[in-house]
Amino acid sequence: MRRITEKQANYIDILSSYESTKVEDKQDISNFLGGLGKDDISQLSIREASDLIQLLLLRPTEYTFLCGKKAELHKQEVNSFNVLGEMEACLHGCPDENIQGDVNGCTEWKKRND
């Protein structure tokens, strides 16, 4: 049995570090490990770590946009926005229906980029 990879362990850490879901994620990890009779993430196999990642991805997390608006988004989407930046978040995830992918309609975006 091959053990959890460093990348998997790091991803589990990222997925369980969002402030709005920390408590629930910690409980999910504890329950998952307990169900397998394991005490620590380092004891997981690659497949078990993958299953845990999928479990952690199920819970949405809060994301705060440039303008201060908040939305509950899929963690994978939030990770993408954290890497690709605010423009990507505003273009593809803005909760303001008036924006609809056009950041030029956002006064906060214009103010920051003029």
PDB file of N, CA and C in Angstrom:
ATOM      1  N   MET A   1       0.846  -1.183   0.000  1.00  0.00           N
ATOM      2  CA  MET A   1       0.000   0.000   0.000  1.00  0.00           C
ATOM      3  C   MET A   1       0.889   1.243   0.000  1.00  0.00           C
ATOM      4  N   ARG A   2       0.669   2.103  -0.987  1.00  0.00           N
ATOM      5  CA  ARG A   2       1.439   3.342  -1.078  1.00  0.00           C
ATOM      6  C   ARG A   2       0.808   4.400  -0.178  1.00  0.00           C
ATOM      7  N   ARG A   3       1.623   5.087   0.551  1.00  0.00           N
ATOM      8  CA  ARG A   3       1.179   6.098   1.510  1.00  0.00           C
ATOM      9  C   ARG A   3       0.815   7.414   0.807  1.00  0.00           C
ATOM     10  N   ILE A   4       0.064   8.224   1.510  1.00  0.00           N
ATOM     11  CA  ILE A   4      -0.345   9.545   1.059  1.00  0.00           C
ATOM     12  C   ILE A   4       0.864  10.301   0.522  1.00  0.00           C
ATOM     13  N   THR A   5       0.663  11.055  -0.558  1.00  0.00           N
ATOM     14  CA  THR A   5       1.752  11.853  -1.112  1.00  0.00           C
ATOM     15  C   THR A   5       1.818  13.195  -0.395  1.00  0.00           C
ATOM     16  N   GLU A   6       2.935  13.857  -0.548  1.00  0.00           N
ATOM     17  CA  GLU A   6       3.105  15.179   0.056  1.00  0.00           C
ATOM     18  C   GLU A   6       2.104  16.166  -0.548  1.00  0.00           C
ATOM     19  N   LYS A   7       1.864  16.057  -1.855  1.00  0.00           N
ATOM     20  CA  LYS A   7       0.895  16.940  -2.513  1.00  0.00           C
ATOM     21  C   LYS A   7      -0.505  16.729  -1.951  1.00  0.00           C
ATOM     22  N   GLN A   8      -0.881  15.487  -1.718  1.00  0.00           N
ATOM     23  CA  GLN A   8      -2.196  15.213  -1.140  1.00  0.00           C
ATOM     24  C   GLN A   8      -2.291  15.799   0.271  1.00  0.00           C
ATOM     25  N   ALA A   9      -1.266  15.592   1.059  1.00  0.00           N
ATOM     26  CA  ALA A   9      -1.266  16.116   2.435  1.00  0.00           C
ATOM     27  C   ALA A   9      -1.374  17.641   2.426  1.00  0.00           C
ATOM     28  N   ASN A  10      -0.645  18.290   1.514  1.00  0.00           N
ATOM     29  CA  ASN A  10      -0.706  19.751   1.403  1.00  0.00           C
ATOM     30  C   ASN A  10      -2.097  20.206   0.973  1.00  0.00           C
ATOM     31  N   TYR A  11      -2.712  19.479   0.043  1.00  0.00           N
ATOM     32  CA  TYR A  11      -4.042  19.850  -0.438  1.00  0.00           C
ATOM     33  C   TYR A  11      -5.089  19.680   0.669  1.00  0.00           C
ATOM     34  N   ILE A  12      -4.971  18.629   1.440  1.00  0.00           N
ATOM     35  CA  ILE A  12      -5.867  18.425   2.580  1.00  0.00           C
ATOM     36  C   ILE A  12      -5.712  19.588   3.558  1.00  0.00           C
ATOM     37  N   ASP A  13      -4.478  20.026   3.776  1.00  0.00           N
ATOM     38  CA  ASP A  13      -4.228  21.164   4.660  1.00  0.00           C
ATOM     39  C   ASP A  13      -4.886  22.430   4.119  1.00  0.00           C
ATOM     40  N   ILE A  14      -4.770  22.666   2.823  1.00  0.00           N
ATOM     41  CA  ILE A  14      -5.392  23.840   2.202  1.00  0.00           C
ATOM     42  C   ILE A  14      -6.909  23.769   2.331  1.00  0.00           C
ATOM     43  N   LEU A  15      -7.480  22.624   1.989  1.00  0.00           N
ATOM     44  CA  LEU A  15      -8.937  22.474   2.008  1.00  0.00           C
ATOM     45  C   LEU A  15      -9.530  22.591   3.399  1.00  0.00           C
ATOM     46  N   SER A  16      -8.745  22.290   4.402  1.00  0.00           N
ATOM     47  CA  SER A  16      -9.255  22.339   5.772  1.00  0.00           C
ATOM     48  C   SER A  16      -8.826  23.599   6.522  1.00  0.00           C
ATOM     49  N   SER A  17      -8.277  24.574   5.791  1.00  0.00           N
ATOM     50  CA  SER A  17      -7.786  25.778   6.455  1.00  0.00           C
ATOM     51  C   SER A  17      -8.660  27.009   6.222  1.00  0.00           C
ATOM     52  N   TYR A  18      -9.736  26.879   5.469  1.00  0.00           N
ATOM     53  CA  TYR A  18     -10.625  28.026   5.255  1.00  0.00           C
ATOM     54  C   TYR A  18     -11.342  28.359   6.549  1.00  0.00           C
ATOM     55  N   GLU A  19     -11.291  29.618   6.919  1.00  0.00           N
ATOM     56  CA  GLU A  19     -11.819  30.062   8.208  1.00  0.00           C
ATOM     57  C   GLU A  19     -13.285  29.680   8.402  1.00  0.00           C
ATOM     58  N   SER A  20     -14.088  29.808   7.359  1.00  0.00           N
ATOM     59  CA  SER A  20     -15.530  29.580   7.505  1.00  0.00           C
ATOM     60  C   SER A  20     -15.905  28.103   7.642  1.00  0.00           C
ATOM     61  N   THR A  21     -14.958  27.190   7.380  1.00  0.00           N
ATOM     62  CA  THR A  21     -15.284  25.755   7.463  1.00  0.00           C
ATOM     63  C   THR A  21     -14.304  24.963   8.320  1.00  0.00           C
ATOM     64  N   LYS A  22     -13.392  25.648   8.996  1.00  0.00           N
ATOM     65  CA  LYS A  22     -12.341  24.969   9.767  1.00  0.00           C
ATOM     66  C   LYS A  22     -12.886  23.935  10.752  1.00  0.00           C
ATOM     67  N   VAL A  23     -13.876  24.325  11.523  1.00  0.00           N
ATOM     68  CA  VAL A  23     -14.406  23.439  12.570  1.00  0.00           C
ATOM     69  C   VAL A  23     -15.023  22.189  11.952  1.00  0.00           C
ATOM     70  N   GLU A  24     -15.865  22.380  10.934  1.00  0.00           N
ATOM     71  CA  GLU A  24     -16.521  21.239  10.286  1.00  0.00           C
ATOM     72  C   GLU A  24     -15.514  20.342   9.578  1.00  0.00           C
ATOM     73  N   ASP A  25     -14.526  20.963   8.924  1.00  0.00           N
ATOM     74  CA  ASP A  25     -13.505  20.181   8.217  1.00  0.00           C
ATOM     75  C   ASP A  25     -12.682  19.339   9.189  1.00  0.00           C
ATOM     76  N   LYS A  26     -12.331  19.933  10.328  1.00  0.00           N
ATOM     77  CA  LYS A  26     -11.571  19.196  11.344  1.00  0.00           C
ATOM     78  C   LYS A  26     -12.375  17.981  11.819  1.00  0.00           C
ATOM     79  N   GLN A  27     -13.684  18.183  12.012  1.00  0.00           N
ATOM     80  CA  GLN A  27     -14.551  17.084  12.443  1.00  0.00           C
ATOM     81  C   GLN A  27     -14.657  16.018  11.354  1.00  0.00           C
ATOM     82  N   ASP A  28     -14.777  16.455  10.104  1.00  0.00           N
ATOM     83  CA  ASP A  28     -14.832  15.501   8.981  1.00  0.00           C
ATOM     84  C   ASP A  28     -13.555  14.655   8.929  1.00  0.00           C
ATOM     85  N   ILE A  29     -12.420  15.303   9.102  1.00  0.00           N
ATOM     86  CA  ILE A  29     -11.137  14.579   9.069  1.00  0.00           C
ATOM     87  C   ILE A  29     -11.082  13.583  10.221  1.00  0.00           C
ATOM     88  N   SER A  30     -11.465  14.016  11.396  1.00  0.00           N
ATOM     89  CA  SER A  30     -11.453  13.143  12.568  1.00  0.00           C
ATOM     90  C   SER A  30     -12.378  11.929  12.366  1.00  0.00           C
ATOM     91  N   ASN A  31     -13.581  12.189  11.875  1.00  0.00           N
ATOM     92  CA  ASN A  31     -14.526  11.096  11.619  1.00  0.00           C
ATOM     93  C   ASN A  31     -14.016  10.146  10.544  1.00  0.00           C
ATOM     94  N   PHE A  32     -13.422  10.711   9.504  1.00  0.00           N
ATOM     95  CA  PHE A  32     -12.889   9.897   8.405  1.00  0.00           C
ATOM     96  C   PHE A  32     -11.770   8.988   8.915  1.00  0.00           C
ATOM     97  N   LEU A  33     -10.831   9.581   9.654  1.00  0.00           N
ATOM     98  CA  LEU A  33      -9.720   8.792  10.199  1.00  0.00           C
ATOM     99  C   LEU A  33     -10.238   7.731  11.164  1.00  0.00           C
ATOM    100  N   GLY A  34     -11.173   8.113  12.031  1.00  0.00           N
ATOM    101  CA  GLY A  34     -11.738   7.172  12.996  1.00  0.00           C
ATOM    102  C   GLY A  34     -12.426   6.004  12.316  1.00  0.00           C
ATOM    103  N   GLY A  35     -13.122   6.298  11.228  1.00  0.00           N
ATOM    104  CA  GLY A  35     -13.799   5.245  10.478  1.00  0.00           C
ATOM    105  C   GLY A  35     -12.837   4.231   9.872  1.00  0.00           C
ATOM    106  N   LEU A  36     -11.619   4.674   9.656  1.00  0.00           N
ATOM    107  CA  LEU A  36     -10.586   3.779   9.106  1.00  0.00           C
ATOM    108  C   LEU A  36      -9.691   3.191  10.194  1.00  0.00           C
ATOM    109  N   GLY A  37      -9.918   3.606  11.435  1.00  0.00           N
ATOM    110  CA  GLY A  37      -9.079   3.138  12.533  1.00  0.00           C
ATOM    111  C   GLY A  37      -7.681   3.728  12.492  1.00  0.00           C
ATOM    112  N   LYS A  38      -7.576   4.955  11.984  1.00  0.00           N
ATOM    113  CA  LYS A  38      -6.271   5.617  11.889  1.00  0.00           C
ATOM    114  C   LYS A  38      -6.282   6.875  12.742  1.00  0.00           C
ATOM    115  N   ASP A  39      -5.097   7.266  13.192  1.00  0.00           N
ATOM    116  CA  ASP A  39      -4.963   8.406  14.089  1.00  0.00           C
ATOM    117  C   ASP A  39      -4.495   9.684  13.408  1.00  0.00           C
ATOM    118  N   ASP A  40      -3.881   9.559  12.229  1.00  0.00           N
ATOM    119  CA  ASP A  40      -3.257  10.719  11.606  1.00  0.00           C
ATOM    120  C   ASP A  40      -3.347  10.607  10.085  1.00  0.00           C
ATOM    121  N   ILE A  41      -3.389  11.746   9.439  1.00  0.00           N
ATOM    122  CA  ILE A  41      -3.457  11.790   7.979  1.00  0.00           C
ATOM    123  C   ILE A  41      -2.265  11.073   7.349  1.00  0.00           C
ATOM    124  N   SER A  42      -1.122  11.135   7.981  1.00  0.00           N
ATOM    125  CA  SER A  42       0.086  10.501   7.429  1.00  0.00           C
ATOM    126  C   SER A  42      -0.051   8.985   7.295  1.00  0.00           C
ATOM    127  N   GLN A  43      -1.035   8.408   7.955  1.00  0.00           N
ATOM    128  CA  GLN A  43      -1.256   6.959   7.888  1.00  0.00           C
ATOM    129  C   GLN A  43      -2.138   6.545   6.708  1.00  0.00           C
ATOM    130  N   LEU A  44      -2.679   7.519   5.987  1.00  0.00           N
ATOM    131  CA  LEU A  44      -3.583   7.211   4.884  1.00  0.00           C
ATOM    132  C   LEU A  44      -2.841   6.680   3.673  1.00  0.00           C
ATOM    133  N   SER A  45      -3.528   5.844   2.918  1.00  0.00           N
ATOM    134  CA  SER A  45      -3.016   5.413   1.617  1.00  0.00           C
ATOM    135  C   SER A  45      -3.342   6.509   0.597  1.00  0.00           C
ATOM    136  N   ILE A  46      -2.800   6.400  -0.580  1.00  0.00           N
ATOM    137  CA  ILE A  46      -3.088   7.363  -1.641  1.00  0.00           C
ATOM    138  C   ILE A  46      -4.589   7.394  -1.921  1.00  0.00           C
ATOM    139  N   ARG A  47      -5.213   6.233  -2.008  1.00  0.00           N
ATOM    140  CA  ARG A  47      -6.651   6.146  -2.291  1.00  0.00           C
ATOM    141  C   ARG A  47      -7.478   6.756  -1.152  1.00  0.00           C
ATOM    142  N   GLU A  48      -7.123   6.460   0.077  1.00  0.00           N
ATOM    143  CA  GLU A  48      -7.842   7.018   1.228  1.00  0.00           C
ATOM    144  C   GLU A  48      -7.706   8.539   1.269  1.00  0.00           C
ATOM    145  N   ALA A  49      -6.510   9.031   0.965  1.00  0.00           N
ATOM    146  CA  ALA A  49      -6.290  10.480   0.943  1.00  0.00           C
ATOM    147  C   ALA A  49      -7.154  11.124  -0.145  1.00  0.00           C
ATOM    148  N   SER A  50      -7.240  10.468  -1.280  1.00  0.00           N
ATOM    149  CA  SER A  50      -8.084  10.957  -2.363  1.00  0.00           C
ATOM    150  C   SER A  50      -9.548  11.018  -1.933  1.00  0.00           C
ATOM    151  N   ASP A  51     -10.000   9.993  -1.228  1.00  0.00           N
ATOM    152  CA  ASP A  51     -11.380   9.975  -0.727  1.00  0.00           C
ATOM    153  C   ASP A  51     -11.618  11.104   0.272  1.00  0.00           C
ATOM    154  N   LEU A  52     -10.638  11.365   1.126  1.00  0.00           N
ATOM    155  CA  LEU A  52     -10.764  12.454   2.089  1.00  0.00           C
ATOM    156  C   LEU A  52     -10.823  13.803   1.373  1.00  0.00           C
ATOM    157  N   ILE A  53      -9.999  13.970   0.368  1.00  0.00           N
ATOM    158  CA  ILE A  53     -10.017  15.209  -0.423  1.00  0.00           C
ATOM    159  C   ILE A  53     -11.396  15.424  -1.028  1.00  0.00           C
ATOM    160  N   GLN A  54     -11.958  14.374  -1.595  1.00  0.00           N
ATOM    161  CA  GLN A  54     -13.302  14.487  -2.185  1.00  0.00           C
ATOM    162  C   GLN A  54     -14.340  14.874  -1.131  1.00  0.00           C
ATOM    163  N   LEU A  55     -14.212  14.337   0.049  1.00  0.00           N
ATOM    164  CA  LEU A  55     -15.115  14.675   1.140  1.00  0.00           C
ATOM    165  C   LEU A  55     -14.987  16.154   1.519  1.00  0.00           C
ATOM    166  N   LEU A  56     -13.758  16.630   1.645  1.00  0.00           N
ATOM    167  CA  LEU A  56     -13.532  18.031   2.019  1.00  0.00           C
ATOM    168  C   LEU A  56     -13.995  19.007   0.938  1.00  0.00           C
ATOM    169  N   LEU A  57     -13.946  18.575  -0.304  1.00  0.00           N
ATOM    170  CA  LEU A  57     -14.396  19.428  -1.399  1.00  0.00           C
ATOM    171  C   LEU A  57     -15.912  19.612  -1.417  1.00  0.00           C
ATOM    172  N   LEU A  58     -16.648  18.734  -0.764  1.00  0.00           N
ATOM    173  CA  LEU A  58     -18.106  18.809  -0.776  1.00  0.00           C
ATOM    174  C   LEU A  58     -18.652  20.048  -0.079  1.00  0.00           C
ATOM    175  N   ARG A  59     -17.971  20.504   0.961  1.00  0.00           N
ATOM    176  CA  ARG A  59     -18.473  21.636   1.744  1.00  0.00           C
ATOM    177  C   ARG A  59     -18.022  22.941   1.096  1.00  0.00           C
ATOM    178  N   PRO A  60     -18.969  23.800   0.708  1.00  0.00           N
ATOM    179  CA  PRO A  60     -18.573  25.098   0.163  1.00  0.00           C
ATOM    180  C   PRO A  60     -17.964  25.972   1.260  1.00  0.00           C
ATOM    181  N   THR A  61     -17.268  26.999   0.839  1.00  0.00           N
ATOM    182  CA  THR A  61     -16.657  27.924   1.783  1.00  0.00           C
ATOM    183  C   THR A  61     -16.948  29.360   1.357  1.00  0.00           C
ATOM    184  N   GLU A  62     -16.785  30.258   2.277  1.00  0.00           N
ATOM    185  CA  GLU A  62     -17.073  31.657   1.994  1.00  0.00           C
ATOM    186  C   GLU A  62     -15.898  32.298   1.252  1.00  0.00           C
ATOM    187  N   TYR A  63     -16.242  33.087   0.246  1.00  0.00           N
ATOM    188  CA  TYR A  63     -15.239  33.838  -0.509  1.00  0.00           C
ATOM    189  C   TYR A  63     -15.654  35.298  -0.496  1.00  0.00           C
ATOM    190  N   THR A  64     -14.696  36.192  -0.252  1.00  0.00           N
ATOM    191  CA  THR A  64     -14.963  37.625  -0.247  1.00  0.00           C
ATOM    192  C   THR A  64     -14.359  38.235  -1.509  1.00  0.00           C
ATOM    193  N   PHE A  65     -15.216  38.865  -2.292  1.00  0.00           N
ATOM    194  CA  PHE A  65     -14.788  39.500  -3.537  1.00  0.00           C
ATOM    195  C   PHE A  65     -14.166  40.857  -3.251  1.00  0.00           C
ATOM    196  N   LEU A  66     -13.516  41.414  -4.257  1.00  0.00           N
ATOM    197  CA  LEU A  66     -12.848  42.705  -4.198  1.00  0.00           C
ATOM    198  C   LEU A  66     -13.753  43.792  -3.620  1.00  0.00           C
ATOM    199  N   CYS A  67     -15.033  43.763  -3.972  1.00  0.00           N
ATOM    200  CA  CYS A  67     -15.976  44.802  -3.546  1.00  0.00           C
ATOM    201  C   CYS A  67     -16.494  44.577  -2.123  1.00  0.00           C
ATOM    202  N   GLY A  68     -16.140  43.438  -1.534  1.00  0.00           N
ATOM    203  CA  GLY A  68     -16.600  43.125  -0.187  1.00  0.00           C
ATOM    204  C   GLY A  68     -17.793  42.183  -0.150  1.00  0.00           C
ATOM    205  N   LYS A  69     -18.413  41.939  -1.311  1.00  0.00           N
ATOM    206  CA  LYS A  69     -19.519  40.980  -1.359  1.00  0.00           C
ATOM    207  C   LYS A  69     -18.976  39.598  -1.048  1.00  0.00           C
ATOM    208  N   LYS A  70     -19.827  38.785  -0.438  1.00  0.00           N
ATOM    209  CA  LYS A  70     -19.427  37.423  -0.066  1.00  0.00           C
ATOM    210  C   LYS A  70     -20.345  36.423  -0.745  1.00  0.00           C
ATOM    211  N   ALA A  71     -19.789  35.252  -0.987  1.00  0.00           N
ATOM    212  CA  ALA A  71     -20.578  34.171  -1.583  1.00  0.00           C
ATOM    213  C   ALA A  71     -20.034  32.842  -1.082  1.00  0.00           C
ATOM    214  N   GLU A  72     -20.909  31.863  -1.005  1.00  0.00           N
ATOM    215  CA  GLU A  72     -20.503  30.494  -0.697  1.00  0.00           C
ATOM    216  C   GLU A  72     -20.155  29.825  -2.022  1.00  0.00           C
ATOM    217  N   LEU A  73     -18.910  29.406  -2.161  1.00  0.00           N
ATOM    218  CA  LEU A  73     -18.429  28.822  -3.407  1.00  0.00           C
ATOM    219  C   LEU A  73     -17.788  27.466  -3.141  1.00  0.00           C
ATOM    220  N   HIS A  74     -17.710  26.670  -4.173  1.00  0.00           N
ATOM    221  CA  HIS A  74     -17.025  25.385  -4.123  1.00  0.00           C
ATOM    222  C   HIS A  74     -15.546  25.639  -3.819  1.00  0.00           C
ATOM    223  N   LYS A  75     -14.960  24.843  -2.960  1.00  0.00           N
ATOM    224  CA  LYS A  75     -13.570  25.066  -2.547  1.00  0.00           C
ATOM    225  C   LYS A  75     -12.596  25.033  -3.721  1.00  0.00           C
ATOM    226  N   GLN A  76     -12.872  24.198  -4.703  1.00  0.00           N
ATOM    227  CA  GLN A  76     -11.990  24.129  -5.863  1.00  0.00           C
ATOM    228  C   GLN A  76     -12.005  25.467  -6.619  1.00  0.00           C
ATOM    229  N   GLU A  77     -13.175  26.092  -6.689  1.00  0.00           N
ATOM    230  CA  GLU A  77     -13.309  27.392  -7.333  1.00  0.00           C
ATOM    231  C   GLU A  77     -12.560  28.463  -6.540  1.00  0.00           C
ATOM    232  N   VAL A  78     -12.681  28.435  -5.226  1.00  0.00           N
ATOM    233  CA  VAL A  78     -11.985  29.387  -4.375  1.00  0.00           C
ATOM    234  C   VAL A  78     -10.477  29.211  -4.531  1.00  0.00           C
ATOM    235  N   ASN A  79     -10.001  27.991  -4.565  1.00  0.00           N
ATOM    236  CA  ASN A  79      -8.570  27.737  -4.772  1.00  0.00           C
ATOM    237  C   ASN A  79      -8.102  28.352  -6.083  1.00  0.00           C
ATOM    238  N   SER A  80      -8.904  28.192  -7.114  1.00  0.00           N
ATOM    239  CA  SER A  80      -8.577  28.754  -8.423  1.00  0.00           C
ATOM    240  C   SER A  80      -8.490  30.276  -8.351  1.00  0.00           C
ATOM    241  N   PHE A  81      -9.467  30.904  -7.697  1.00  0.00           N
ATOM    242  CA  PHE A  81      -9.457  32.357  -7.570  1.00  0.00           C
ATOM    243  C   PHE A  81      -8.256  32.819  -6.762  1.00  0.00           C
ATOM    244  N   ASN A  82      -7.871  32.070  -5.743  1.00  0.00           N
ATOM    245  CA  ASN A  82      -6.709  32.437  -4.927  1.00  0.00           C
ATOM    246  C   ASN A  82      -5.426  32.405  -5.739  1.00  0.00           C
ATOM    247  N   VAL A  83      -5.360  31.518  -6.720  1.00  0.00           N
ATOM    248  CA  VAL A  83      -4.172  31.410  -7.564  1.00  0.00           C
ATOM    249  C   VAL A  83      -4.223  32.408  -8.715  1.00  0.00           C
ATOM    250  N   LEU A  84      -5.373  32.497  -9.388  1.00  0.00           N
ATOM    251  CA  LEU A  84      -5.483  33.310 -10.597  1.00  0.00           C
ATOM    252  C   LEU A  84      -5.780  34.780 -10.338  1.00  0.00           C
ATOM    253  N   GLY A  85      -6.289  35.106  -9.158  1.00  0.00           N
ATOM    254  CA  GLY A  85      -6.466  36.499  -8.784  1.00  0.00           C
ATOM    255  C   GLY A  85      -7.890  37.011  -8.792  1.00  0.00           C
ATOM    256  N   GLU A  86      -7.996  38.269  -8.356  1.00  0.00           N
ATOM    257  CA  GLU A  86      -9.294  38.915  -8.168  1.00  0.00           C
ATOM    258  C   GLU A  86     -10.078  39.071  -9.456  1.00  0.00           C
ATOM    259  N   MET A  87      -9.385  39.356 -10.564  1.00  0.00           N
ATOM    260  CA  MET A  87     -10.106  39.546 -11.824  1.00  0.00           C
ATOM    261  C   MET A  87     -10.836  38.266 -12.217  1.00  0.00           C
ATOM    262  N   GLU A  88     -10.166  37.147 -12.069  1.00  0.00           N
ATOM    263  CA  GLU A  88     -10.791  35.856 -12.382  1.00  0.00           C
ATOM    264  C   GLU A  88     -12.024  35.646 -11.513  1.00  0.00           C
ATOM    265  N   ALA A  89     -11.914  35.967 -10.244  1.00  0.00           N
ATOM    266  CA  ALA A  89     -13.049  35.815  -9.325  1.00  0.00           C
ATOM    267  C   ALA A  89     -14.198  36.723  -9.753  1.00  0.00           C
ATOM    268  N   CYS A  90     -13.868  37.971 -10.062  1.00  0.00           N
ATOM    269  CA  CYS A  90     -14.918  38.917 -10.452  1.00  0.00           C
ATOM    270  C   CYS A  90     -15.565  38.532 -11.779  1.00  0.00           C
ATOM    271  N   LEU A  91     -14.778  38.078 -12.717  1.00  0.00           N
ATOM    272  CA  LEU A  91     -15.316  37.679 -14.023  1.00  0.00           C
ATOM    273  C   LEU A  91     -16.222  36.469 -13.940  1.00  0.00           C
ATOM    274  N   HIS A  92     -15.834  35.489 -13.116  1.00  0.00           N
ATOM    275  CA  HIS A  92     -16.525  34.201 -13.155  1.00  0.00           C
ATOM    276  C   HIS A  92     -17.370  33.867 -11.937  1.00  0.00           C
ATOM    277  N   GLY A  93     -17.275  34.666 -10.881  1.00  0.00           N
ATOM    278  CA  GLY A  93     -18.009  34.285  -9.684  1.00  0.00           C
ATOM    279  C   GLY A  93     -18.763  35.395  -8.998  1.00  0.00           C
ATOM    280  N   CYS A  94     -18.732  36.599  -9.549  1.00  0.00           N
ATOM    281  CA  CYS A  94     -19.353  37.739  -8.880  1.00  0.00           C
ATOM    282  C   CYS A  94     -20.823  37.454  -8.568  1.00  0.00           C
ATOM    283  N   PRO A  95     -21.217  37.666  -7.306  1.00  0.00           N
ATOM    284  CA  PRO A  95     -22.608  37.416  -6.937  1.00  0.00           C
ATOM    285  C   PRO A  95     -23.562  38.515  -7.416  1.00  0.00           C
ATOM    286  N   ASP A  96     -23.030  39.631  -7.920  1.00  0.00           N
ATOM    287  CA  ASP A  96     -23.862  40.724  -8.416  1.00  0.00           C
ATOM    288  C   ASP A  96     -24.324  40.391  -9.834  1.00  0.00           C
ATOM    289  N   GLU A  97     -25.598  40.108  -9.982  1.00  0.00           N
ATOM    290  CA  GLU A  97     -26.138  39.712 -11.288  1.00  0.00           C
ATOM    291  C   GLU A  97     -26.010  40.810 -12.332  1.00  0.00           C
ATOM    292  N   ASN A  98     -25.861  42.059 -11.917  1.00  0.00           N
ATOM    293  CA  ASN A  98     -25.711  43.159 -12.863  1.00  0.00           C
ATOM    294  C   ASN A  98     -24.341  43.137 -13.550  1.00  0.00           C
ATOM    295  N   ILE A  99     -23.364  42.499 -12.933  1.00  0.00           N
ATOM    296  CA  ILE A  99     -22.013  42.447 -13.504  1.00  0.00           C
ATOM    297  C   ILE A  99     -21.952  41.434 -14.644  1.00  0.00           C
ATOM    298  N   GLN A 100     -22.434  40.240 -14.424  1.00  0.00           N
ATOM    299  CA  GLN A 100     -22.502  39.162 -15.420  1.00  0.00           C
ATOM    300  C   GLN A 100     -21.227  39.015 -16.236  1.00  0.00           C
ATOM    301  N   GLY A 101     -20.107  38.924 -15.559  1.00  0.00           N
ATOM    302  CA  GLY A 101     -18.835  38.672 -16.231  1.00  0.00           C
ATOM    303  C   GLY A 101     -18.171  39.899 -16.833  1.00  0.00           C
ATOM    304  N   ASP A 102     -18.727  41.071 -16.646  1.00  0.00           N
ATOM    305  CA  ASP A 102     -18.143  42.298 -17.187  1.00  0.00           C
ATOM    306  C   ASP A 102     -17.667  43.167 -16.032  1.00  0.00           C
ATOM    307  N   VAL A 103     -16.394  43.059 -15.693  1.00  0.00           N
ATOM    308  CA  VAL A 103     -15.868  43.813 -14.552  1.00  0.00           C
ATOM    309  C   VAL A 103     -15.925  45.319 -14.774  1.00  0.00           C
ATOM    310  N   ASN A 104     -16.068  45.743 -16.010  1.00  0.00           N
ATOM    311  CA  ASN A 104     -16.180  47.177 -16.279  1.00  0.00           C
ATOM    312  C   ASN A 104     -17.470  47.764 -15.716  1.00  0.00           C
ATOM    313  N   GLY A 105     -18.434  46.921 -15.402  1.00  0.00           N
ATOM    314  CA  GLY A 105     -19.670  47.372 -14.783  1.00  0.00           C
ATOM    315  C   GLY A 105     -19.571  47.471 -13.273  1.00  0.00           C
ATOM    316  N   CYS A 106     -18.437  47.125 -12.730  1.00  0.00           N
ATOM    317  CA  CYS A 106     -18.234  47.130 -11.272  1.00  0.00           C
ATOM    318  C   CYS A 106     -17.497  48.399 -10.862  1.00  0.00           C
ATOM    319  N   THR A 107     -18.135  49.213 -10.045  1.00  0.00           N
ATOM    320  CA  THR A 107     -17.512  50.465  -9.623  1.00  0.00           C
ATOM    321  C   THR A 107     -16.241  50.224  -8.801  1.00  0.00           C
ATOM    322  N   GLU A 108     -16.232  49.167  -7.985  1.00  0.00           N
ATOM    323  CA  GLU A 108     -15.050  48.860  -7.168  1.00  0.00           C
ATOM    324  C   GLU A 108     -13.880  48.467  -8.062  1.00  0.00           C
ATOM    325  N   TRP A 109     -14.140  47.677  -9.080  1.00  0.00           N
ATOM    326  CA  TRP A 109     -13.084  47.263 -10.011  1.00  0.00           C
ATOM    327  C   TRP A 109     -12.528  48.483 -10.731  1.00  0.00           C
ATOM    328  N   LYS A 110     -13.404  49.351 -11.206  1.00  0.00           N
ATOM    329  CA  LYS A 110     -12.969  50.559 -11.914  1.00  0.00           C
ATOM    330  C   LYS A 110     -12.133  51.442 -10.993  1.00  0.00           C
ATOM    331  N   LYS A 111     -12.596  51.621  -9.758  1.00  0.00           N
ATOM    332  CA  LYS A 111     -11.903  52.474  -8.800  1.00  0.00           C
ATOM    333  C   LYS A 111     -10.490  51.950  -8.536  1.00  0.00           C
ATOM    334  N   ARG A 112     -10.343  50.661  -8.437  1.00  0.00           N
ATOM    335  CA  ARG A 112      -9.023  50.072  -8.120  1.00  0.00           C
ATOM    336  C   ARG A 112      -8.102  50.031  -9.329  1.00  0.00           C
ATOM    337  N   ASN A 113      -8.652  50.086 -10.517  1.00  0.00           N
ATOM    338  CA  ASN A 113      -7.837  49.892 -11.717  1.00  0.00           C
ATOM    339  C   ASN A 113      -7.774  51.115 -12.614  1.00  0.00           C
ATOM    340  N   ASP A 114      -8.181  52.244 -12.128  1.00  0.00           N
ATOM    341  CA  ASP A 114      -8.079  53.499 -12.917  1.00  0.00           C
ATOM    342  C   ASP A 114      -6.764  54.190 -12.642  1.00  0.00           C
TER     343      ASP A 114
END
